[in-house]
């Protein structure tokens, strides 16, 4: 019907007005009066053409979602989720800066220690200790702990390196565990807000006023309740990805430290039982000392005859 009206309007506007008047007069003479009632008037067609239906359709289109209003609809359950998001951002930035390769495994330390450990027969523990002091880092602390065990059995030296390495790795991985906690707890916070919002929505739908329908009330309540779940997932997904990335980075960096430490260990074999390193980083020969004193036997008691 609309297409027919538009074609009629085009035909009417395309012909001159005189032809329209002549054709109209001819129809009035030839057609009966009842037939003219069913014809579409030119003024009505022109009014239809002047109307703007796009504005009416545009008014029915749903409005866009504003982020700030969406956050405000989440209510008080958005507060802990917001705090967790701040925690995730802070820890991510801090751990990313702390786990730079230059801070964990300085290049100067790696190059100098690698040059010293190239020949195990001439490895100087005192020089290596000075290099570790000049380059404070987790790698330097692990190597220094090994060097302080110079003169002891190789198994003790390697065990000391492994224990020190584990302590350093735990110290750097501690803050990353908070990211893992945020990734696990934030969706539960959002789910809690959603459950509470659903309860409120169904409770309010049971006490409706006459001007509101149940479906309208429920749809508005569910829309508000799902905001907290969306916020929880928006925080948890990046937190889980960052936690996994940082854990893998810690494992990779400390694995490199372990490889370097076990490369140094064979250079300390020739000092076993011969020398030890003092607190100042200097090698001292092992002092076997005097043999342990002999046990003094007390004379047997004199018995009276």
Protein backbone atom coordinates (compact mmCIF):
# COMPACT_ATOMS: atom_id res chain seq x y z
CA UNK A 1 0.00 0.00 0.00
CA UNK A 2 2.82 2.43 0.85
CA UNK A 3 4.59 1.65 -2.42
CA UNK A 4 1.39 2.33 -4.39
CA UNK A 5 0.95 5.67 -2.66
CA UNK A 6 4.56 6.66 -3.43
CA UNK A 7 4.18 5.77 -7.13
CA UNK A 8 0.97 7.78 -7.31
CA UNK A 9 2.74 10.73 -5.73
CA UNK A 10 5.53 10.56 -8.28
CA UNK A 11 3.06 10.47 -11.16
CA UNK A 12 1.09 13.37 -9.80
CA UNK A 13 4.12 15.57 -9.18
CA UNK A 14 5.57 14.73 -12.62
CA UNK A 15 2.62 16.00 -14.72
CA UNK A 16 1.57 19.65 -15.05
CA UNK A 17 -1.17 21.02 -12.89
CA UNK A 18 -3.38 21.80 -15.90
CA UNK A 19 -3.42 18.14 -16.92
CA UNK A 20 -4.39 17.20 -13.41
CA UNK A 21 -7.28 19.63 -13.43
CA UNK A 22 -8.48 18.43 -16.85
CA UNK A 23 -8.25 14.77 -15.89
CA UNK A 24 -10.02 15.44 -12.64
CA UNK A 25 -12.88 17.24 -14.41
CA UNK A 26 -13.15 14.42 -16.94
CA UNK A 27 -13.36 11.85 -14.18
CA UNK A 28 -16.04 13.89 -12.43
CA UNK A 29 -18.11 13.84 -15.62
CA UNK A 30 -17.61 10.18 -16.55
CA UNK A 31 -17.41 8.38 -13.19
CA UNK A 32 -20.19 8.16 -10.70
CA UNK A 33 -20.05 10.08 -7.48
CA UNK A 34 -19.54 6.99 -5.36
CA UNK A 35 -16.36 6.00 -7.19
CA UNK A 36 -14.60 9.26 -6.46
CA UNK A 37 -14.84 8.61 -2.75
CA UNK A 38 -12.39 5.73 -3.07
CA UNK A 39 -9.72 7.75 -4.91
CA UNK A 40 -6.73 9.21 -3.04
CA UNK A 41 -6.71 13.00 -2.89
CA UNK A 42 -3.54 14.78 -4.13
CA UNK A 43 -3.37 16.84 -0.96
CA UNK A 44 -3.36 13.68 1.16
CA UNK A 45 -0.54 12.22 -0.95
CA UNK A 46 1.46 15.40 -0.60
CA UNK A 47 1.00 15.33 3.17
CA UNK A 48 2.22 11.74 3.25
CA UNK A 49 5.29 12.75 1.25
CA UNK A 50 6.03 15.63 3.61
CA UNK A 51 5.97 13.37 6.67
CA UNK A 52 9.31 12.05 8.04
CA UNK A 53 8.81 8.48 9.19
CA UNK A 54 12.51 8.12 9.94
CA UNK A 55 12.08 10.32 12.98
CA UNK A 56 9.33 8.10 14.30
CA UNK A 57 11.45 5.02 13.69
CA UNK A 58 14.44 6.69 15.30
CA UNK A 59 12.47 7.36 18.46
CA UNK A 60 11.88 3.64 18.86
CA UNK A 61 15.60 2.77 18.57
CA UNK A 62 17.27 1.76 21.90
CA UNK A 63 19.68 4.30 23.31
CA UNK A 64 23.37 3.48 23.73
CA UNK A 65 24.80 2.17 27.00
CA UNK A 66 26.70 4.76 28.98
CA UNK A 67 29.62 3.30 30.94
CA UNK A 68 29.29 5.63 33.92
CA UNK A 69 25.56 5.06 34.27
CA UNK A 70 26.16 1.33 33.91
CA UNK A 71 28.68 1.41 36.76
CA UNK A 72 26.29 3.46 38.88
CA UNK A 73 23.55 0.89 38.35
CA UNK A 74 25.73 -1.81 39.91
CA UNK A 75 25.23 -0.32 43.35
CA UNK A 76 27.38 -0.92 46.39
CA UNK A 77 28.65 -4.26 45.07
CA UNK A 78 30.72 -2.29 42.56
CA UNK A 79 32.88 -0.89 45.39
CA UNK A 80 34.84 -4.11 46.19
CA UNK A 81 35.10 -4.88 42.49
CA UNK A 82 36.53 -1.41 41.91
CA UNK A 83 39.05 -1.92 44.71
CA UNK A 84 40.12 -5.23 43.21
CA UNK A 85 40.56 -3.56 39.82
CA UNK A 86 42.85 -0.96 41.40
CA UNK A 87 44.82 -3.76 43.07
CA UNK A 88 45.19 -5.60 39.76
CA UNK A 89 46.44 -2.50 37.94
CA UNK A 90 48.89 -1.59 40.72
CA UNK A 91 50.37 -5.07 41.05
CA UNK A 92 50.60 -5.55 37.31
CA UNK A 93 52.60 -2.36 36.82
CA UNK A 94 54.81 -2.98 39.86
CA UNK A 95 55.61 -6.60 39.00
CA UNK A 96 56.23 -5.81 35.35
CA UNK A 97 58.83 -3.22 36.35
CA UNK A 98 60.36 -5.47 39.04
CA UNK A 99 60.70 -8.48 36.75
CA UNK A 100 62.77 -6.77 34.13
CA UNK A 101 65.71 -8.90 33.03
CA UNK A 102 68.24 -6.24 33.98
CA UNK A 103 66.99 -6.21 37.59
CA UNK A 104 66.89 -10.00 38.02
CA UNK A 105 69.86 -11.02 35.88
CA UNK A 106 72.12 -8.04 35.13
CA UNK A 107 73.98 -8.31 31.87
CA UNK A 108 77.30 -7.22 33.37
CA UNK A 109 77.04 -9.93 36.03
CA UNK A 110 76.25 -12.62 33.48
CA UNK A 111 79.10 -11.63 31.17
CA UNK A 112 81.76 -11.37 33.85
CA UNK A 113 80.76 -14.57 35.67
CA UNK A 114 80.58 -16.45 32.37
CA UNK A 115 84.10 -15.32 31.50
CA UNK A 116 85.42 -16.47 34.88
CA UNK A 117 83.65 -19.84 34.70
CA UNK A 118 84.90 -20.57 31.20
CA UNK A 119 87.84 -22.47 32.68
CA UNK A 120 87.03 -24.44 35.82
CA UNK A 121 90.67 -25.00 36.72
CA UNK A 122 91.31 -21.26 37.14
CA UNK A 123 87.97 -20.09 38.51
CA UNK A 124 88.65 -17.41 41.21
CA UNK A 125 85.89 -17.40 43.89
CA UNK A 126 87.14 -14.12 45.44
CA UNK A 127 86.85 -12.24 42.15
CA UNK A 128 83.39 -13.72 41.54
CA UNK A 129 82.33 -12.58 45.01
CA UNK A 130 83.42 -9.00 44.25
CA UNK A 131 81.43 -9.05 41.01
CA UNK A 132 78.33 -10.18 42.94
CA UNK A 133 78.75 -7.31 45.41
CA UNK A 134 79.02 -4.81 42.55
CA UNK A 135 75.82 -6.12 40.90
CA UNK A 136 73.17 -6.57 43.64
CA UNK A 137 70.36 -8.74 42.28
CA UNK A 138 68.68 -12.10 42.91
CA UNK A 139 71.24 -13.79 40.64
CA UNK A 140 74.10 -12.21 42.60
CA UNK A 141 72.63 -13.38 45.90
CA UNK A 142 72.31 -16.97 44.67
CA UNK A 143 75.90 -17.05 43.37
CA UNK A 144 77.22 -15.36 46.50
CA UNK A 145 75.53 -18.00 48.68
CA UNK A 146 77.31 -20.67 46.66
CA UNK A 147 80.68 -18.95 46.93
CA UNK A 148 80.36 -18.66 50.70
CA UNK A 149 80.21 -22.48 50.77
CA UNK A 150 83.57 -22.81 49.03
CA UNK A 151 85.54 -25.71 50.49
CA UNK A 152 82.47 -27.76 51.38
CA UNK A 153 81.27 -30.82 49.44
CA UNK A 154 79.75 -30.15 46.05
CA UNK A 155 76.38 -31.53 47.14
CA UNK A 156 76.16 -28.94 49.92
CA UNK A 157 77.07 -26.14 47.51
CA UNK A 158 74.36 -27.15 45.01
CA UNK A 159 71.78 -27.58 47.78
CA UNK A 160 72.59 -24.09 49.06
CA UNK A 161 72.13 -22.68 45.55
CA UNK A 162 68.76 -24.41 45.17
CA UNK A 163 67.48 -23.20 48.53
CA UNK A 164 68.57 -19.62 47.92
CA UNK A 165 67.07 -19.71 44.46
CA UNK A 166 63.75 -20.94 45.85
CA UNK A 167 63.66 -18.21 48.49
CA UNK A 168 64.33 -15.50 45.91
CA UNK A 169 61.70 -16.90 43.55
CA UNK A 170 59.11 -17.03 46.35
CA UNK A 171 59.88 -13.44 47.27
CA UNK A 172 59.20 -12.28 43.74
CA UNK A 173 56.19 -14.56 43.22
CA UNK A 174 54.43 -13.47 46.42
CA UNK A 175 52.70 -10.38 44.96
CA UNK A 176 51.69 -12.33 41.86
CA UNK A 177 49.56 -14.59 44.07
CA UNK A 178 47.37 -11.58 44.81
CA UNK A 179 46.63 -11.34 41.10
CA UNK A 180 45.61 -14.98 41.13
CA UNK A 181 43.35 -14.27 44.11
CA UNK A 182 41.78 -11.32 42.29
CA UNK A 183 41.16 -13.49 39.23
CA UNK A 184 39.36 -16.07 41.39
CA UNK A 185 37.48 -13.79 43.81
CA UNK A 186 36.27 -10.96 41.57
CA UNK A 187 33.81 -13.10 39.53
CA UNK A 188 32.36 -14.36 42.80
CA UNK A 189 31.86 -10.77 43.94
CA UNK A 190 30.05 -10.04 40.69
CA UNK A 191 27.94 -13.17 41.04
CA UNK A 192 27.01 -12.15 44.58
CA UNK A 193 25.84 -8.76 43.31
CA UNK A 194 23.84 -10.42 40.54
CA UNK A 195 22.11 -12.83 42.91
CA UNK A 196 21.23 -9.98 45.23
CA UNK A 197 19.92 -7.90 42.33
CA UNK A 198 17.75 -10.79 41.12
CA UNK A 199 16.30 -11.20 44.59
CA UNK A 200 15.46 -7.50 44.73
CA UNK A 201 13.96 -7.60 41.22
CA UNK A 202 11.61 -10.49 42.01
CA UNK A 203 10.69 -8.98 45.34
CA UNK A 204 9.73 -5.68 43.75
CA UNK A 205 7.82 -7.45 40.97
CA UNK A 206 5.56 -9.01 43.59
CA UNK A 207 4.48 -5.55 44.78
CA UNK A 208 3.82 -3.77 41.50
CA UNK A 209 1.84 -0.60 41.05
CA UNK A 210 -0.95 -0.35 38.48
CA UNK A 211 1.12 1.65 36.00
CA UNK A 212 3.91 -0.94 35.59
CA UNK A 213 3.89 -4.46 34.19
CA UNK A 214 5.68 -7.44 35.68
CA UNK A 215 7.83 -8.02 32.58
CA UNK A 216 8.98 -4.39 32.56
CA UNK A 217 9.94 -4.54 36.22
CA UNK A 218 11.78 -7.86 35.87
CA UNK A 219 13.69 -6.79 32.76
CA UNK A 220 14.90 -3.62 34.46
CA UNK A 221 15.91 -5.52 37.59
CA UNK A 222 17.78 -8.24 35.70
CA UNK A 223 19.56 -5.62 33.58
CA UNK A 224 20.77 -3.92 36.74
CA UNK A 225 21.74 -7.19 38.42
CA UNK A 226 23.90 -8.41 35.54
CA UNK A 227 26.09 -5.30 35.67
CA UNK A 228 28.10 -6.66 38.63
CA UNK A 229 28.78 -9.95 36.85
CA UNK A 230 30.03 -8.04 33.82
CA UNK A 231 32.29 -5.90 36.02
CA UNK A 232 33.65 -8.94 37.86
CA UNK A 233 34.54 -10.72 34.63
CA UNK A 234 36.06 -7.55 33.17
CA UNK A 235 38.48 -7.45 36.13
CA UNK A 236 39.09 -11.20 36.52
CA UNK A 237 40.00 -12.04 32.92
CA UNK A 238 42.92 -9.56 32.63
CA UNK A 239 44.05 -10.49 36.16
CA UNK A 240 44.23 -14.19 35.25
CA UNK A 241 46.14 -13.47 32.05
CA UNK A 242 48.62 -11.17 33.81
CA UNK A 243 49.15 -13.61 36.69
CA UNK A 244 49.95 -16.44 34.29
CA UNK A 245 52.30 -14.22 32.28
CA UNK A 246 54.19 -13.04 35.37
CA UNK A 247 54.48 -16.55 36.79
CA UNK A 248 55.94 -17.80 33.52
CA UNK A 249 58.35 -14.88 33.46
CA UNK A 250 59.54 -15.62 37.00
CA UNK A 251 60.07 -19.28 36.16
CA UNK A 252 62.01 -18.39 33.01
CA UNK A 253 64.30 -15.84 34.69
CA UNK A 254 65.11 -17.99 37.71
CA UNK A 255 65.72 -20.99 35.50
CA UNK A 256 68.44 -18.97 33.80
CA UNK A 257 69.92 -18.16 37.22
CA UNK A 258 69.90 -21.86 38.10
CA UNK A 259 71.73 -22.73 34.88
CA UNK A 260 74.40 -20.13 35.58
CA UNK A 261 74.81 -21.30 39.18
CA UNK A 262 75.33 -24.93 38.21
CA UNK A 263 77.83 -23.80 35.59
CA UNK A 264 79.90 -22.23 38.35
CA UNK A 265 79.69 -25.21 40.72
CA UNK A 266 82.38 -27.36 38.99
CA UNK A 267 84.87 -24.51 39.41
CA UNK A 268 84.62 -24.88 43.20
CA UNK A 269 85.51 -28.57 43.26
CA UNK A 270 89.26 -27.97 43.55
CA UNK A 271 88.75 -26.03 46.79
CA UNK A 272 86.89 -28.84 48.58
CA UNK A 273 88.68 -29.64 51.82
CA UNK A 274 91.46 -27.12 51.11
CA UNK A 275 90.13 -23.56 51.36
CA UNK A 276 87.13 -21.67 52.61
CA UNK A 277 85.80 -18.15 52.10
CA UNK A 278 85.53 -15.77 55.04
CA UNK A 279 82.94 -13.04 55.57
CA UNK A 280 85.09 -10.52 53.69
CA UNK A 281 85.16 -12.65 50.55
CA UNK A 282 88.75 -13.81 50.88
CA UNK A 283 89.89 -17.42 50.59
CA UNK A 284 91.49 -18.88 53.70
CA UNK A 285 93.18 -22.24 53.97
CA UNK A 286 91.28 -24.73 56.04
CA UNK A 287 92.78 -25.04 59.52
CA UNK A 288 92.50 -28.65 60.52
CA UNK A 289 93.64 -27.69 63.97
CA UNK A 290 94.97 -29.98 66.60
CA UNK A 291 93.42 -33.36 67.04
CA UNK A 292 90.63 -33.50 69.57
CA UNK A 293 91.87 -33.95 73.11
CA UNK A 294 92.09 -37.44 74.45
CA UNK A 295 89.59 -38.44 77.05
CA UNK A 296 91.04 -38.21 80.57
CA UNK A 297 90.38 -41.35 82.49
CA UNK A 298 90.02 -40.90 86.21
CA UNK A 299 92.00 -43.33 88.35
CA UNK A 300 90.04 -46.22 89.74
CA UNK A 301 88.72 -45.64 93.22
CA UNK A 302 90.86 -46.98 96.02
CA UNK A 303 89.05 -49.58 98.03
CA UNK A 304 89.96 -50.21 101.59
CA UNK A 305 90.99 -53.71 102.41
